[in-house]
Amino acid sequence: GTYIRALARDLGRATGSAAHCAELRRTRIGAFRIEDAVSALEFRERALAALVPAATGLARVIAREPLDAARAADVRHGRGVPAVATGDRAALLDPEGALLAIAERRGALWQPTVVLAHD
């Protein structure tokens, strides 16, 4: 590719003068055109609108186990809690329904393997 800043520098040297690039705006990179771009704010708004809570996404692939405050506190400290939901893995949810941990079944307990929240 052509490096425009280097081209300006080289032209200045070739003519025995000082030269610089005062402004440079890329309008295209391959198939990506400036006309198709969005501002950082618009990108952020679109991204936030497309997000779904982790607990919602995980519900499609593993069991969900809602916990009361006492059980949630146990999980925050890595302790197992009684398993009610069926399956080998579960998303453990805090009392507000937010994802607290991912757990594996160990007998009659859910043993947290990844804890996402702490005290």
PDB file of N, CA and C in Angstrom:
ATOM      1  N   GLY A   1       0.825  -1.189   0.000  1.00  0.00           N
ATOM      2  CA  GLY A   1       0.000   0.000   0.000  1.00  0.00           C
ATOM      3  C   GLY A   1       0.865   1.247   0.000  1.00  0.00           C
ATOM      4  N   THR A   2       0.250   2.325  -0.273  1.00  0.00           N
ATOM      5  CA  THR A   2       0.930   3.614  -0.278  1.00  0.00           C
ATOM      6  C   THR A   2       0.792   4.256   1.095  1.00  0.00           C
ATOM      7  N   TYR A   3       1.907   4.651   1.654  1.00  0.00           N
ATOM      8  CA  TYR A   3       1.896   5.341   2.942  1.00  0.00           C
ATOM      9  C   TYR A   3       1.927   6.831   2.660  1.00  0.00           C
ATOM     10  N   ILE A   4       0.803   7.469   2.786  1.00  0.00           N
ATOM     11  CA  ILE A   4       0.654   8.869   2.387  1.00  0.00           C
ATOM     12  C   ILE A   4       1.572   9.777   3.192  1.00  0.00           C
ATOM     13  N   ARG A   5       1.707   9.562   4.472  1.00  0.00           N
ATOM     14  CA  ARG A   5       2.597  10.407   5.275  1.00  0.00           C
ATOM     15  C   ARG A   5       4.048  10.282   4.786  1.00  0.00           C
ATOM     16  N   ALA A   6       4.453   9.060   4.481  1.00  0.00           N
ATOM     17  CA  ALA A   6       5.817   8.842   3.977  1.00  0.00           C
ATOM     18  C   ALA A   6       5.972   9.489   2.602  1.00  0.00           C
ATOM     19  N   LEU A   7       4.929   9.431   1.793  1.00  0.00           N
ATOM     20  CA  LEU A   7       4.967  10.060   0.475  1.00  0.00           C
ATOM     21  C   LEU A   7       5.162  11.572   0.613  1.00  0.00           C
ATOM     22  N   ALA A   8       4.450  12.201   1.543  1.00  0.00           N
ATOM     23  CA  ALA A   8       4.606  13.643   1.774  1.00  0.00           C
ATOM     24  C   ALA A   8       6.026  13.948   2.232  1.00  0.00           C
ATOM     25  N   ARG A   9       6.550  13.168   3.137  1.00  0.00           N
ATOM     26  CA  ARG A   9       7.925  13.358   3.620  1.00  0.00           C
ATOM     27  C   ARG A   9       8.922  13.230   2.470  1.00  0.00           C
ATOM     28  N   ASP A  10       8.770  12.188   1.655  1.00  0.00           N
ATOM     29  CA  ASP A  10       9.698  11.951   0.552  1.00  0.00           C
ATOM     30  C   ASP A  10       9.625  13.052  -0.500  1.00  0.00           C
ATOM     31  N   LEU A  11       8.421  13.553  -0.767  1.00  0.00           N
ATOM     32  CA  LEU A  11       8.275  14.663  -1.715  1.00  0.00           C
ATOM     33  C   LEU A  11       8.989  15.908  -1.192  1.00  0.00           C
ATOM     34  N   GLY A  12       8.866  16.150   0.099  1.00  0.00           N
ATOM     35  CA  GLY A  12       9.569  17.292   0.693  1.00  0.00           C
ATOM     36  C   GLY A  12      11.070  17.146   0.554  1.00  0.00           C
ATOM     37  N   ARG A  13      11.584  15.963   0.841  1.00  0.00           N
ATOM     38  CA  ARG A  13      13.033  15.735   0.715  1.00  0.00           C
ATOM     39  C   ARG A  13      13.486  15.869  -0.738  1.00  0.00           C
ATOM     40  N   ALA A  14      12.699  15.336  -1.676  1.00  0.00           N
ATOM     41  CA  ALA A  14      13.063  15.363  -3.093  1.00  0.00           C
ATOM     42  C   ALA A  14      13.110  16.784  -3.636  1.00  0.00           C
ATOM     43  N   THR A  15      12.290  17.651  -3.079  1.00  0.00           N
ATOM     44  CA  THR A  15      12.259  19.034  -3.566  1.00  0.00           C
ATOM     45  C   THR A  15      13.109  19.966  -2.707  1.00  0.00           C
ATOM     46  N   GLY A  16      13.801  19.386  -1.731  1.00  0.00           N
ATOM     47  CA  GLY A  16      14.652  20.199  -0.871  1.00  0.00           C
ATOM     48  C   GLY A  16      13.862  21.104   0.046  1.00  0.00           C
ATOM     49  N   SER A  17      12.676  20.687   0.401  1.00  0.00           N
ATOM     50  CA  SER A  17      11.794  21.506   1.216  1.00  0.00           C
ATOM     51  C   SER A  17      11.312  20.689   2.415  1.00  0.00           C
ATOM     52  N   ALA A  18      10.621  21.355   3.291  1.00  0.00           N
ATOM     53  CA  ALA A  18       9.962  20.651   4.393  1.00  0.00           C
ATOM     54  C   ALA A  18       8.526  20.372   3.965  1.00  0.00           C
ATOM     55  N   ALA A  19       8.092  19.183   4.197  1.00  0.00           N
ATOM     56  CA  ALA A  19       6.719  18.844   3.836  1.00  0.00           C
ATOM     57  C   ALA A  19       6.138  17.951   4.922  1.00  0.00           C
ATOM     58  N   HIS A  20       4.859  18.092   5.113  1.00  0.00           N
ATOM     59  CA  HIS A  20       4.166  17.220   6.069  1.00  0.00           C
ATOM     60  C   HIS A  20       2.722  17.054   5.622  1.00  0.00           C
ATOM     61  N   CYS A  21       2.096  16.104   6.183  1.00  0.00           N
ATOM     62  CA  CYS A  21       0.693  15.838   5.874  1.00  0.00           C
ATOM     63  C   CYS A  21      -0.150  16.503   6.954  1.00  0.00           C
ATOM     64  N   ALA A  22      -0.903  17.524   6.593  1.00  0.00           N
ATOM     65  CA  ALA A  22      -1.692  18.276   7.565  1.00  0.00           C
ATOM     66  C   ALA A  22      -2.954  17.520   7.962  1.00  0.00           C
ATOM     67  N   GLU A  23      -3.496  16.740   7.054  1.00  0.00           N
ATOM     68  CA  GLU A  23      -4.727  16.021   7.347  1.00  0.00           C
ATOM     69  C   GLU A  23      -4.773  14.772   6.488  1.00  0.00           C
ATOM     70  N   LEU A  24      -5.268  13.699   7.089  1.00  0.00           N
ATOM     71  CA  LEU A  24      -5.385  12.441   6.359  1.00  0.00           C
ATOM     72  C   LEU A  24      -6.640  11.731   6.832  1.00  0.00           C
ATOM     73  N   ARG A  25      -7.460  11.340   5.896  1.00  0.00           N
ATOM     74  CA  ARG A  25      -8.683  10.628   6.244  1.00  0.00           C
ATOM     75  C   ARG A  25      -8.821   9.414   5.349  1.00  0.00           C
ATOM     76  N   ARG A  26      -8.846   8.270   5.960  1.00  0.00           N
ATOM     77  CA  ARG A  26      -9.024   7.029   5.209  1.00  0.00           C
ATOM     78  C   ARG A  26     -10.515   6.884   4.901  1.00  0.00           C
ATOM     79  N   THR A  27     -10.846   6.697   3.648  1.00  0.00           N
ATOM     80  CA  THR A  27     -12.246   6.584   3.256  1.00  0.00           C
ATOM     81  C   THR A  27     -12.644   5.160   2.900  1.00  0.00           C
ATOM     82  N   ARG A  28     -11.644   4.291   2.863  1.00  0.00           N
ATOM     83  CA  ARG A  28     -11.942   2.922   2.492  1.00  0.00           C
ATOM     84  C   ARG A  28     -10.787   2.004   2.890  1.00  0.00           C
ATOM     85  N   ILE A  29     -11.134   0.807   3.330  1.00  0.00           N
ATOM     86  CA  ILE A  29     -10.167  -0.255   3.566  1.00  0.00           C
ATOM     87  C   ILE A  29     -10.793  -1.509   2.969  1.00  0.00           C
ATOM     88  N   GLY A  30     -10.306  -1.918   1.831  1.00  0.00           N
ATOM     89  CA  GLY A  30     -10.895  -3.066   1.147  1.00  0.00           C
ATOM     90  C   GLY A  30     -12.361  -2.811   0.853  1.00  0.00           C
ATOM     91  N   ALA A  31     -13.218  -3.699   1.314  1.00  0.00           N
ATOM     92  CA  ALA A  31     -14.660  -3.565   1.080  1.00  0.00           C
ATOM     93  C   ALA A  31     -15.337  -2.633   2.085  1.00  0.00           C
ATOM     94  N   PHE A  32     -14.615  -2.169   3.095  1.00  0.00           N
ATOM     95  CA  PHE A  32     -15.200  -1.315   4.125  1.00  0.00           C
ATOM     96  C   PHE A  32     -15.074   0.143   3.714  1.00  0.00           C
ATOM     97  N   ARG A  33     -16.228   0.825   3.636  1.00  0.00           N
ATOM     98  CA  ARG A  33     -16.255   2.216   3.182  1.00  0.00           C
ATOM     99  C   ARG A  33     -16.684   3.133   4.317  1.00  0.00           C
ATOM    100  N   ILE A  34     -16.218   4.361   4.281  1.00  0.00           N
ATOM    101  CA  ILE A  34     -16.567   5.348   5.300  1.00  0.00           C
ATOM    102  C   ILE A  34     -18.077   5.580   5.354  1.00  0.00           C
ATOM    103  N   GLU A  35     -18.741   5.451   4.203  1.00  0.00           N
ATOM    104  CA  GLU A  35     -20.190   5.655   4.151  1.00  0.00           C
ATOM    105  C   GLU A  35     -20.944   4.617   4.973  1.00  0.00           C
ATOM    106  N   ASP A  36     -20.316   3.481   5.210  1.00  0.00           N
ATOM    107  CA  ASP A  36     -20.967   2.403   5.962  1.00  0.00           C
ATOM    108  C   ASP A  36     -20.598   2.433   7.449  1.00  0.00           C
ATOM    109  N   ALA A  37     -19.741   3.339   7.840  1.00  0.00           N
ATOM    110  CA  ALA A  37     -19.264   3.404   9.217  1.00  0.00           C
ATOM    111  C   ALA A  37     -20.320   4.015  10.138  1.00  0.00           C
ATOM    112  N   VAL A  38     -20.192   3.715  11.426  1.00  0.00           N
ATOM    113  CA  VAL A  38     -21.041   4.327  12.437  1.00  0.00           C
ATOM    114  C   VAL A  38     -20.135   4.972  13.483  1.00  0.00           C
ATOM    115  N   SER A  39     -20.667   5.934  14.183  1.00  0.00           N
ATOM    116  CA  SER A  39     -19.887   6.601  15.223  1.00  0.00           C
ATOM    117  C   SER A  39     -19.683   5.648  16.400  1.00  0.00           C
ATOM    118  N   ALA A  40     -18.729   5.972  17.241  1.00  0.00           N
ATOM    119  CA  ALA A  40     -18.475   5.150  18.436  1.00  0.00           C
ATOM    120  C   ALA A  40     -19.714   5.108  19.322  1.00  0.00           C
ATOM    121  N   LEU A  41     -20.424   6.228  19.440  1.00  0.00           N
ATOM    122  CA  LEU A  41     -21.633   6.271  20.258  1.00  0.00           C
ATOM    123  C   LEU A  41     -22.715   5.362  19.674  1.00  0.00           C
ATOM    124  N   GLU A  42     -22.907   5.432  18.358  1.00  0.00           N
ATOM    125  CA  GLU A  42     -23.916   4.573  17.726  1.00  0.00           C
ATOM    126  C   GLU A  42     -23.530   3.106  17.851  1.00  0.00           C
ATOM    127  N   PHE A  43     -22.244   2.808  17.702  1.00  0.00           N
ATOM    128  CA  PHE A  43     -21.778   1.434  17.867  1.00  0.00           C
ATOM    129  C   PHE A  43     -22.090   0.941  19.272  1.00  0.00           C
ATOM    130  N   ARG A  44     -21.793   1.765  20.265  1.00  0.00           N
ATOM    131  CA  ARG A  44     -22.064   1.405  21.661  1.00  0.00           C
ATOM    132  C   ARG A  44     -23.554   1.154  21.871  1.00  0.00           C
ATOM    133  N   GLU A  45     -24.403   2.034  21.344  1.00  0.00           N
ATOM    134  CA  GLU A  45     -25.853   1.866  21.511  1.00  0.00           C
ATOM    135  C   GLU A  45     -26.341   0.589  20.848  1.00  0.00           C
ATOM    136  N   ARG A  46     -25.841   0.297  19.656  1.00  0.00           N
ATOM    137  CA  ARG A  46     -26.232  -0.938  18.971  1.00  0.00           C
ATOM    138  C   ARG A  46     -25.761  -2.167  19.742  1.00  0.00           C
ATOM    139  N   ALA A  47     -24.528  -2.108  20.237  1.00  0.00           N
ATOM    140  CA  ALA A  47     -23.974  -3.247  20.975  1.00  0.00           C
ATOM    141  C   ALA A  47     -24.760  -3.484  22.257  1.00  0.00           C
ATOM    142  N   LEU A  48     -25.067  -2.422  22.983  1.00  0.00           N
ATOM    143  CA  LEU A  48     -25.822  -2.574  24.228  1.00  0.00           C
ATOM    144  C   LEU A  48     -27.215  -3.122  23.964  1.00  0.00           C
ATOM    145  N   ALA A  49     -27.830  -2.707  22.866  1.00  0.00           N
ATOM    146  CA  ALA A  49     -29.173  -3.196  22.534  1.00  0.00           C
ATOM    147  C   ALA A  49     -29.165  -4.681  22.184  1.00  0.00           C
ATOM    148  N   ALA A  50     -28.033  -5.172  21.686  1.00  0.00           N
ATOM    149  CA  ALA A  50     -27.945  -6.576  21.268  1.00  0.00           C
ATOM    150  C   ALA A  50     -27.559  -7.517  22.404  1.00  0.00           C
ATOM    151  N   LEU A  51     -27.112  -6.959  23.520  1.00  0.00           N
ATOM    152  CA  LEU A  51     -26.667  -7.808  24.623  1.00  0.00           C
ATOM    153  C   LEU A  51     -27.839  -8.482  25.326  1.00  0.00           C
ATOM    154  N   VAL A  52     -27.615  -9.696  25.770  1.00  0.00           N
ATOM    155  CA  VAL A  52     -28.579 -10.393  26.615  1.00  0.00           C
ATOM    156  C   VAL A  52     -27.848 -10.774  27.903  1.00  0.00           C
ATOM    157  N   PRO A  53     -28.548 -10.832  29.014  1.00  0.00           N
ATOM    158  CA  PRO A  53     -27.887 -11.222  30.258  1.00  0.00           C
ATOM    159  C   PRO A  53     -27.266 -12.611  30.133  1.00  0.00           C
ATOM    160  N   ALA A  54     -26.134 -12.815  30.797  1.00  0.00           N
ATOM    161  CA  ALA A  54     -25.440 -14.106  30.732  1.00  0.00           C
ATOM    162  C   ALA A  54     -26.354 -15.243  31.152  1.00  0.00           C
ATOM    163  N   ALA A  55     -27.154 -15.040  32.189  1.00  0.00           N
ATOM    164  CA  ALA A  55     -28.050 -16.092  32.667  1.00  0.00           C
ATOM    165  C   ALA A  55     -29.054 -16.494  31.588  1.00  0.00           C
ATOM    166  N   THR A  56     -29.506 -15.537  30.811  1.00  0.00           N
ATOM    167  CA  THR A  56     -30.460 -15.829  29.727  1.00  0.00           C
ATOM    168  C   THR A  56     -29.795 -16.663  28.640  1.00  0.00           C
ATOM    169  N   GLY A  57     -28.588 -16.284  28.251  1.00  0.00           N
ATOM    170  CA  GLY A  57     -27.880 -17.033  27.217  1.00  0.00           C
ATOM    171  C   GLY A  57     -27.549 -18.445  27.655  1.00  0.00           C
ATOM    172  N   LEU A  58     -27.118 -18.600  28.894  1.00  0.00           N
ATOM    173  CA  LEU A  58     -26.763 -19.926  29.398  1.00  0.00           C
ATOM    174  C   LEU A  58     -27.969 -20.835  29.555  1.00  0.00           C
ATOM    175  N   ALA A  59     -29.138 -20.250  29.768  1.00  0.00           N
ATOM    176  CA  ALA A  59     -30.344 -21.060  29.963  1.00  0.00           C
ATOM    177  C   ALA A  59     -30.629 -21.954  28.758  1.00  0.00           C
ATOM    178  N   ARG A  60     -30.077 -21.601  27.634  1.00  0.00           N
ATOM    179  CA  ARG A  60     -30.283 -22.406  26.424  1.00  0.00           C
ATOM    180  C   ARG A  60     -29.434 -23.665  26.413  1.00  0.00           C
ATOM    181  N   VAL A  61     -28.394 -23.709  27.250  1.00  0.00           N
ATOM    182  CA  VAL A  61     -27.465 -24.841  27.184  1.00  0.00           C
ATOM    183  C   VAL A  61     -27.266 -25.587  28.494  1.00  0.00           C
ATOM    184  N   ILE A  62     -27.527 -24.958  29.623  1.00  0.00           N
ATOM    185  CA  ILE A  62     -27.390 -25.655  30.907  1.00  0.00           C
ATOM    186  C   ILE A  62     -28.556 -25.285  31.813  1.00  0.00           C
ATOM    187  N   ALA A  63     -28.733 -26.075  32.872  1.00  0.00           N
ATOM    188  CA  ALA A  63     -29.814 -25.835  33.831  1.00  0.00           C
ATOM    189  C   ALA A  63     -29.602 -24.509  34.549  1.00  0.00           C
ATOM    190  N   ARG A  64     -30.693 -23.974  35.074  1.00  0.00           N
ATOM    191  CA  ARG A  64     -30.648 -22.749  35.884  1.00  0.00           C
ATOM    192  C   ARG A  64     -31.063 -23.123  37.298  1.00  0.00           C
ATOM    193  N   GLU A  65     -30.321 -22.654  38.261  1.00  0.00           N
ATOM    194  CA  GLU A  65     -30.638 -22.930  39.662  1.00  0.00           C
ATOM    195  C   GLU A  65     -30.708 -21.613  40.425  1.00  0.00           C
ATOM    196  N   PRO A  66     -31.925 -21.117  40.683  1.00  0.00           N
ATOM    197  CA  PRO A  66     -32.059 -19.890  41.486  1.00  0.00           C
ATOM    198  C   PRO A  66     -31.684 -20.175  42.941  1.00  0.00           C
ATOM    199  N   LEU A  67     -31.006 -19.235  43.561  1.00  0.00           N
ATOM    200  CA  LEU A  67     -30.560 -19.403  44.941  1.00  0.00           C
ATOM    201  C   LEU A  67     -31.118 -18.307  45.837  1.00  0.00           C
ATOM    202  N   ASP A  68     -31.344 -18.664  47.093  1.00  0.00           N
ATOM    203  CA  ASP A  68     -31.706 -17.635  48.061  1.00  0.00           C
ATOM    204  C   ASP A  68     -30.411 -16.953  48.533  1.00  0.00           C
ATOM    205  N   ALA A  69     -30.541 -15.952  49.374  1.00  0.00           N
ATOM    206  CA  ALA A  69     -29.381 -15.163  49.795  1.00  0.00           C
ATOM    207  C   ALA A  69     -28.344 -16.009  50.528  1.00  0.00           C
ATOM    208  N   ALA A  70     -28.790 -16.920  51.377  1.00  0.00           N
ATOM    209  CA  ALA A  70     -27.839 -17.751  52.139  1.00  0.00           C
ATOM    210  C   ALA A  70     -27.050 -18.674  51.215  1.00  0.00           C
ATOM    211  N   ARG A  71     -27.745 -19.317  50.268  1.00  0.00           N
ATOM    212  CA  ARG A  71     -27.052 -20.204  49.322  1.00  0.00           C
ATOM    213  C   ARG A  71     -26.130 -19.401  48.406  1.00  0.00           C
ATOM    214  N   ALA A  72     -26.562 -18.214  48.008  1.00  0.00           N
ATOM    215  CA  ALA A  72     -25.718 -17.365  47.166  1.00  0.00           C
ATOM    216  C   ALA A  72     -24.430 -17.001  47.907  1.00  0.00           C
ATOM    217  N   ALA A  73     -24.533 -16.730  49.201  1.00  0.00           N
ATOM    218  CA  ALA A  73     -23.345 -16.421  49.994  1.00  0.00           C
ATOM    219  C   ALA A  73     -22.405 -17.627  50.030  1.00  0.00           C
ATOM    220  N   ASP A  74     -22.967 -18.835  50.163  1.00  0.00           N
ATOM    221  CA  ASP A  74     -22.142 -20.042  50.134  1.00  0.00           C
ATOM    222  C   ASP A  74     -21.383 -20.145  48.813  1.00  0.00           C
ATOM    223  N   VAL A  75     -22.092 -19.929  47.731  1.00  0.00           N
ATOM    224  CA  VAL A  75     -21.471 -20.032  46.404  1.00  0.00           C
ATOM    225  C   VAL A  75     -20.380 -18.994  46.232  1.00  0.00           C
ATOM    226  N   ARG A  76     -20.604 -17.775  46.717  1.00  0.00           N
ATOM    227  CA  ARG A  76     -19.582 -16.721  46.614  1.00  0.00           C
ATOM    228  C   ARG A  76     -18.277 -17.135  47.284  1.00  0.00           C
ATOM    229  N   HIS A  77     -18.378 -18.043  48.250  1.00  0.00           N
ATOM    230  CA  HIS A  77     -17.192 -18.537  48.962  1.00  0.00           C
ATOM    231  C   HIS A  77     -16.750 -19.906  48.452  1.00  0.00           C
ATOM    232  N   GLY A  78     -17.311 -20.334  47.313  1.00  0.00           N
ATOM    233  CA  GLY A  78     -16.871 -21.574  46.689  1.00  0.00           C
ATOM    234  C   GLY A  78     -17.463 -22.843  47.264  1.00  0.00           C
ATOM    235  N   ARG A  79     -18.435 -22.701  48.151  1.00  0.00           N
ATOM    236  CA  ARG A  79     -19.050 -23.880  48.761  1.00  0.00           C
ATOM    237  C   ARG A  79     -20.161 -24.436  47.884  1.00  0.00           C
ATOM    238  N   GLY A  80     -20.335 -25.741  47.932  1.00  0.00           N
ATOM    239  CA  GLY A  80     -21.403 -26.396  47.193  1.00  0.00           C
ATOM    240  C   GLY A  80     -22.757 -26.117  47.816  1.00  0.00           C
ATOM    241  N   VAL A  81     -23.781 -26.201  46.989  1.00  0.00           N
ATOM    242  CA  VAL A  81     -25.159 -25.991  47.453  1.00  0.00           C
ATOM    243  C   VAL A  81     -26.025 -27.127  46.908  1.00  0.00           C
ATOM    244  N   PRO A  82     -27.154 -27.415  47.580  1.00  0.00           N
ATOM    245  CA  PRO A  82     -28.018 -28.500  47.121  1.00  0.00           C
ATOM    246  C   PRO A  82     -28.459 -28.301  45.666  1.00  0.00           C
ATOM    247  N   ALA A  83     -28.418 -29.388  44.915  1.00  0.00           N
ATOM    248  CA  ALA A  83     -28.831 -29.362  43.508  1.00  0.00           C
ATOM    249  C   ALA A  83     -30.296 -29.755  43.413  1.00  0.00           C
ATOM    250  N   VAL A  84     -31.100 -28.877  42.877  1.00  0.00           N
ATOM    251  CA  VAL A  84     -32.518 -29.150  42.661  1.00  0.00           C
ATOM    252  C   VAL A  84     -32.769 -29.381  41.166  1.00  0.00           C
ATOM    253  N   ALA A  85     -32.208 -28.516  40.339  1.00  0.00           N
ATOM    254  CA  ALA A  85     -32.376 -28.632  38.886  1.00  0.00           C
ATOM    255  C   ALA A  85     -31.676 -29.898  38.389  1.00  0.00           C
ATOM    256  N   THR A  86     -32.135 -30.406  37.254  1.00  0.00           N
ATOM    257  CA  THR A  86     -31.517 -31.599  36.670  1.00  0.00           C
ATOM    258  C   THR A  86     -30.389 -31.205  35.734  1.00  0.00           C
ATOM    259  N   GLY A  87     -29.486 -32.141  35.503  1.00  0.00           N
ATOM    260  CA  GLY A  87     -28.378 -31.902  34.588  1.00  0.00           C
ATOM    261  C   GLY A  87     -27.046 -32.045  35.278  1.00  0.00           C
ATOM    262  N   ASP A  88     -25.973 -31.980  34.471  1.00  0.00           N
ATOM    263  CA  ASP A  88     -24.620 -32.108  34.992  1.00  0.00           C
ATOM    264  C   ASP A  88     -23.972 -30.770  35.310  1.00  0.00           C
ATOM    265  N   ARG A  89     -24.499 -29.703  34.708  1.00  0.00           N
ATOM    266  CA  ARG A  89     -23.965 -28.352  34.923  1.00  0.00           C
ATOM    267  C   ARG A  89     -25.133 -27.414  35.124  1.00  0.00           C
ATOM    268  N   ALA A  90     -24.857 -26.330  35.847  1.00  0.00           N
ATOM    269  CA  ALA A  90     -25.929 -25.354  36.078  1.00  0.00           C
ATOM    270  C   ALA A  90     -25.372 -23.956  36.183  1.00  0.00           C
ATOM    271  N   ALA A  91     -26.215 -23.010  35.804  1.00  0.00           N
ATOM    272  CA  ALA A  91     -25.967 -21.592  36.040  1.00  0.00           C
ATOM    273  C   ALA A  91     -26.616 -21.284  37.379  1.00  0.00           C
ATOM    274  N   LEU A  92     -25.828 -20.910  38.363  1.00  0.00           N
ATOM    275  CA  LEU A  92     -26.359 -20.568  39.678  1.00  0.00           C
ATOM    276  C   LEU A  92     -26.676 -19.082  39.685  1.00  0.00           C
ATOM    277  N   LEU A  93     -27.929 -18.750  40.017  1.00  0.00           N
ATOM    278  CA  LEU A  93     -28.412 -17.380  39.941  1.00  0.00           C
ATOM    279  C   LEU A  93     -28.595 -16.786  41.324  1.00  0.00           C
ATOM    280  N   ASP A  94     -28.206 -15.537  41.488  1.00  0.00           N
ATOM    281  CA  ASP A  94     -28.399 -14.869  42.776  1.00  0.00           C
ATOM    282  C   ASP A  94     -29.880 -14.538  42.961  1.00  0.00           C
ATOM    283  N   PRO A  95     -30.290 -14.036  44.128  1.00  0.00           N
ATOM    284  CA  PRO A  95     -31.716 -13.765  44.366  1.00  0.00           C
ATOM    285  C   PRO A  95     -32.350 -12.796  43.369  1.00  0.00           C
ATOM    286  N   GLU A  96     -31.535 -11.963  42.713  1.00  0.00           N
ATOM    287  CA  GLU A  96     -32.078 -11.037  41.696  1.00  0.00           C
ATOM    288  C   GLU A  96     -32.124 -11.656  40.303  1.00  0.00           C
ATOM    289  N   GLY A  97     -31.636 -12.891  40.166  1.00  0.00           N
ATOM    290  CA  GLY A  97     -31.657 -13.574  38.876  1.00  0.00           C
ATOM    291  C   GLY A  97     -30.409 -13.383  38.035  1.00  0.00           C
ATOM    292  N   ALA A  98     -29.395 -12.699  38.579  1.00  0.00           N
ATOM    293  CA  ALA A  98     -28.143 -12.505  37.847  1.00  0.00           C
ATOM    294  C   ALA A  98     -27.259 -13.737  37.989  1.00  0.00           C
ATOM    295  N   LEU A  99     -26.450 -13.978  36.979  1.00  0.00           N
ATOM    296  CA  LEU A  99     -25.544 -15.124  37.001  1.00  0.00           C
ATOM    297  C   LEU A  99     -24.497 -14.932  38.091  1.00  0.00           C
ATOM    298  N   LEU A 100     -24.430 -15.899  38.990  1.00  0.00           N
ATOM    299  CA  LEU A 100     -23.488 -15.861  40.103  1.00  0.00           C
ATOM    300  C   LEU A 100     -22.318 -16.798  39.858  1.00  0.00           C
ATOM    301  N   ALA A 101     -22.615 -17.985  39.308  1.00  0.00           N
ATOM    302  CA  ALA A 101     -21.561 -18.979  39.108  1.00  0.00           C
ATOM    303  C   ALA A 101     -22.013 -20.044  38.127  1.00  0.00           C
ATOM    304  N   ILE A 102     -21.031 -20.767  37.619  1.00  0.00           N
ATOM    305  CA  ILE A 102     -21.257 -21.990  36.843  1.00  0.00           C
ATOM    306  C   ILE A 102     -20.841 -23.130  37.766  1.00  0.00           C
ATOM    307  N   ALA A 103     -21.646 -24.171  37.803  1.00  0.00           N
ATOM    308  CA  ALA A 103     -21.354 -25.267  38.732  1.00  0.00           C
ATOM    309  C   ALA A 103     -21.500 -26.612  38.037  1.00  0.00           C
ATOM    310  N   GLU A 104     -20.824 -27.604  38.604  1.00  0.00           N
ATOM    311  CA  GLU A 104     -20.936 -28.997  38.153  1.00  0.00           C
ATOM    312  C   GLU A 104     -21.605 -29.799  39.262  1.00  0.00           C
ATOM    313  N   ARG A 105     -22.399 -30.785  38.843  1.00  0.00           N
ATOM    314  CA  ARG A 105     -23.049 -31.648  39.820  1.00  0.00           C
ATOM    315  C   ARG A 105     -22.014 -32.584  40.425  1.00  0.00           C
ATOM    316  N   ARG A 106     -22.026 -32.638  41.739  1.00  0.00           N
ATOM    317  CA  ARG A 106     -21.208 -33.582  42.493  1.00  0.00           C
ATOM    318  C   ARG A 106     -22.140 -34.239  43.493  1.00  0.00           C
ATOM    319  N   GLY A 107     -22.687 -35.387  43.092  1.00  0.00           N
ATOM    320  CA  GLY A 107     -23.679 -36.060  43.928  1.00  0.00           C
ATOM    321  C   GLY A 107     -24.934 -35.222  44.018  1.00  0.00           C
ATOM    322  N   ALA A 108     -25.312 -34.839  45.229  1.00  0.00           N
ATOM    323  CA  ALA A 108     -26.530 -34.059  45.445  1.00  0.00           C
ATOM    324  C   ALA A 108     -26.258 -32.560  45.515  1.00  0.00           C
ATOM    325  N   LEU A 109     -25.026 -32.160  45.187  1.00  0.00           N
ATOM    326  CA  LEU A 109     -24.646 -30.747  45.289  1.00  0.00           C
ATOM    327  C   LEU A 109     -24.235 -30.166  43.947  1.00  0.00           C
ATOM    328  N   TRP A 110     -24.395 -28.847  43.842  1.00  0.00           N
ATOM    329  CA  TRP A 110     -23.771 -28.070  42.775  1.00  0.00           C
ATOM    330  C   TRP A 110     -22.479 -27.533  43.350  1.00  0.00           C
ATOM    331  N   GLN A 111     -21.362 -27.892  42.743  1.00  0.00           N
ATOM    332  CA  GLN A 111     -20.069 -27.363  43.183  1.00  0.00           C
ATOM    333  C   GLN A 111     -19.647 -26.272  42.209  1.00  0.00           C
ATOM    334  N   PRO A 112     -19.536 -25.030  42.676  1.00  0.00           N
ATOM    335  CA  PRO A 112     -19.127 -23.946  41.776  1.00  0.00           C
ATOM    336  C   PRO A 112     -17.743 -24.216  41.182  1.00  0.00           C
ATOM    337  N   THR A 113     -17.633 -24.056  39.886  1.00  0.00           N
ATOM    338  CA  THR A 113     -16.334 -24.181  39.212  1.00  0.00           C
ATOM    339  C   THR A 113     -15.837 -22.820  38.742  1.00  0.00           C
ATOM    340  N   VAL A 114     -16.760 -21.915  38.463  1.00  0.00           N
ATOM    341  CA  VAL A 114     -16.425 -20.528  38.092  1.00  0.00           C
ATOM    342  C   VAL A 114     -17.377 -19.625  38.855  1.00  0.00           C
ATOM    343  N   VAL A 115     -16.844 -18.838  39.758  1.00  0.00           N
ATOM    344  CA  VAL A 115     -17.662 -17.886  40.518  1.00  0.00           C
ATOM    345  C   VAL A 115     -17.431 -16.506  39.944  1.00  0.00           C
ATOM    346  N   LEU A 116     -18.521 -15.840  39.567  1.00  0.00           N
ATOM    347  CA  LEU A 116     -18.417 -14.545  38.898  1.00  0.00           C
ATOM    348  C   LEU A 116     -18.623 -13.358  39.827  1.00  0.00           C
ATOM    349  N   ALA A 117     -19.112 -13.599  41.012  1.00  0.00           N
ATOM    350  CA  ALA A 117     -19.361 -12.505  41.950  1.00  0.00           C
ATOM    351  C   ALA A 117     -18.771 -12.864  43.309  1.00  0.00           C
ATOM    352  N   HIS A 118     -18.458 -11.851  44.067  1.00  0.00           N
ATOM    353  CA  HIS A 118     -17.904 -12.080  45.399  1.00  0.00           C
ATOM    354  C   HIS A 118     -18.388 -10.979  46.326  1.00  0.00           C
ATOM    355  N   ASP A 119     -18.096 -11.136  47.599  1.00  0.00           N
ATOM    356  CA  ASP A 119     -18.491 -10.116  48.598  1.00  0.00           C
ATOM    357  C   ASP A 119     -17.644  -8.889  48.471  1.00  0.00           C
TER     358      ASP A 119
END
